[in-house]
Amino acid sequence: MQNSYQIVQTGRNFLVIKTDEEDDLTGQKYYTFFFENPNSYYVQVLHRHLLNETSTSREYFRRITPTPKECVMP
């Protein structure tokens, strides 16, 4: 992340980060990283708006390259 952030909470398969991004439109942002398995995770973004409204978005990621042990040259 380019902006400063603070780790708010951690668990066995998740991590919550609060950013210092704050403006009139989006308010405070929290990113929750859910690690489903070693090859995939998703990020849920929670926007706490200044008018006590919240909105969320979710984005999924997965590894598309082979794991290191599969990268052995013949």
C-alpha atoms as a PDB file:
ATOM      1  CA  MET A   1       0.000   0.000   0.000  1.00  0.00           C
ATOM      2  CA  GLN A   2       1.241   3.468  -0.785  1.00  0.00           C
ATOM      3  CA  ASN A   3      -0.483   5.268   2.082  1.00  0.00           C
ATOM      4  CA  SER A   4       0.157   4.703   5.768  1.00  0.00           C
ATOM      5  CA  TYR A   5      -1.905   1.989   7.372  1.00  0.00           C
ATOM      6  CA  GLN A   6      -2.456   0.304  10.707  1.00  0.00           C
ATOM      7  CA  ILE A   7      -3.113  -3.400  11.368  1.00  0.00           C
ATOM      8  CA  VAL A   8      -6.331  -3.433  13.383  1.00  0.00           C
ATOM      9  CA  GLN A   9      -6.987  -7.150  13.843  1.00  0.00           C
ATOM     10  CA  THR A  10      -5.483 -10.498  12.865  1.00  0.00           C
ATOM     11  CA  GLY A  11      -6.821 -14.021  12.940  1.00  0.00           C
ATOM     12  CA  ARG A  12      -5.971 -17.485  11.719  1.00  0.00           C
ATOM     13  CA  ASN A  13      -6.997 -16.746   8.132  1.00  0.00           C
ATOM     14  CA  PHE A  14      -7.631 -12.994   7.974  1.00  0.00           C
ATOM     15  CA  LEU A  15      -6.013  -9.590   8.464  1.00  0.00           C
ATOM     16  CA  VAL A  16      -7.781  -6.216   8.910  1.00  0.00           C
ATOM     17  CA  ILE A  17      -5.988  -3.023   7.867  1.00  0.00           C
ATOM     18  CA  LYS A  18      -7.185   0.557   8.443  1.00  0.00           C
ATOM     19  CA  THR A  19      -5.784   3.148   6.060  1.00  0.00           C
ATOM     20  CA  ASP A  20      -5.136   6.811   6.628  1.00  0.00           C
ATOM     21  CA  GLU A  21      -7.136   7.626   3.488  1.00  0.00           C
ATOM     22  CA  GLU A  22     -10.027   9.845   4.465  1.00  0.00           C
ATOM     23  CA  ASP A  23     -12.018  12.353   2.493  1.00  0.00           C
ATOM     24  CA  ASP A  24     -15.557  13.735   2.262  1.00  0.00           C
ATOM     25  CA  LEU A  25     -16.670  11.156  -0.296  1.00  0.00           C
ATOM     26  CA  THR A  26     -15.336   7.831   0.975  1.00  0.00           C
ATOM     27  CA  GLY A  27     -14.595   8.406   4.661  1.00  0.00           C
ATOM     28  CA  GLN A  28     -12.347   5.869   6.424  1.00  0.00           C
ATOM     29  CA  LYS A  29     -11.341   2.657   4.607  1.00  0.00           C
ATOM     30  CA  TYR A  30     -10.792  -0.776   6.144  1.00  0.00           C
ATOM     31  CA  TYR A  31      -9.345  -3.660   4.097  1.00  0.00           C
ATOM     32  CA  THR A  32      -9.954  -7.235   5.241  1.00  0.00           C
ATOM     33  CA  PHE A  33      -7.776  -9.895   3.613  1.00  0.00           C
ATOM     34  CA  PHE A  34      -9.295 -13.409   3.823  1.00  0.00           C
ATOM     35  CA  PHE A  35      -6.812 -16.191   3.025  1.00  0.00           C
ATOM     36  CA  GLU A  36      -8.865 -19.147   1.770  1.00  0.00           C
ATOM     37  CA  ASN A  37      -5.880 -21.385   0.930  1.00  0.00           C
ATOM     38  CA  PRO A  38      -2.218 -20.936  -0.129  1.00  0.00           C
ATOM     39  CA  ASN A  39      -3.259 -20.113  -3.704  1.00  0.00           C
ATOM     40  CA  SER A  40      -6.206 -17.759  -3.260  1.00  0.00           C
ATOM     41  CA  TYR A  41      -7.478 -14.932  -1.115  1.00  0.00           C
ATOM     42  CA  TYR A  42      -9.984 -12.126  -1.353  1.00  0.00           C
ATOM     43  CA  VAL A  43     -10.056  -8.563  -0.119  1.00  0.00           C
ATOM     44  CA  GLN A  44     -13.164  -6.925   1.229  1.00  0.00           C
ATOM     45  CA  VAL A  45     -13.108  -3.135   1.472  1.00  0.00           C
ATOM     46  CA  LEU A  46     -15.351  -1.406   3.996  1.00  0.00           C
ATOM     47  CA  HIS A  47     -15.927   2.320   3.550  1.00  0.00           C
ATOM     48  CA  ARG A  48     -17.182   4.082   6.658  1.00  0.00           C
ATOM     49  CA  HIS A  49     -18.696   7.249   5.255  1.00  0.00           C
ATOM     50  CA  LEU A  50     -18.800  10.451   7.220  1.00  0.00           C
ATOM     51  CA  LEU A  51     -22.616  10.333   7.393  1.00  0.00           C
ATOM     52  CA  ASN A  52     -22.568   6.971   9.270  1.00  0.00           C
ATOM     53  CA  GLU A  53     -23.253   5.001   6.103  1.00  0.00           C
ATOM     54  CA  THR A  54     -21.172   1.997   5.088  1.00  0.00           C
ATOM     55  CA  SER A  55     -20.514   0.286   1.787  1.00  0.00           C
ATOM     56  CA  THR A  56     -18.427  -2.737   0.879  1.00  0.00           C
ATOM     57  CA  SER A  57     -16.733  -4.163  -2.161  1.00  0.00           C
ATOM     58  CA  ARG A  58     -14.934  -7.473  -2.663  1.00  0.00           C
ATOM     59  CA  GLU A  59     -12.141  -8.544  -5.019  1.00  0.00           C
ATOM     60  CA  TYR A  60     -10.775 -12.084  -5.502  1.00  0.00           C
ATOM     61  CA  PHE A  61      -7.161 -13.079  -6.236  1.00  0.00           C
ATOM     62  CA  ARG A  62      -5.560 -16.415  -7.028  1.00  0.00           C
ATOM     63  CA  ARG A  63      -2.075 -17.612  -7.869  1.00  0.00           C
ATOM     64  CA  ILE A  64      -1.629 -18.401 -11.547  1.00  0.00           C
ATOM     65  CA  THR A  65       2.055 -19.345 -11.545  1.00  0.00           C
ATOM     66  CA  PRO A  66       3.284 -22.795 -10.490  1.00  0.00           C
ATOM     67  CA  THR A  67       4.540 -23.274  -6.975  1.00  0.00           C
ATOM     68  CA  PRO A  68       8.370 -23.281  -6.657  1.00  0.00           C
ATOM     69  CA  LYS A  69       8.708 -27.082  -6.442  1.00  0.00           C
ATOM     70  CA  GLU A  70       6.896 -27.339  -9.811  1.00  0.00           C
ATOM     71  CA  CYS A  71       9.364 -24.936 -11.417  1.00  0.00           C
ATOM     72  CA  VAL A  72      12.288 -27.376 -11.472  1.00  0.00           C
ATOM     73  CA  MET A  73      14.179 -27.325 -14.778  1.00  0.00           C
ATOM     74  CA  PRO A  74      14.685 -30.763 -16.459  1.00  0.00           C
END
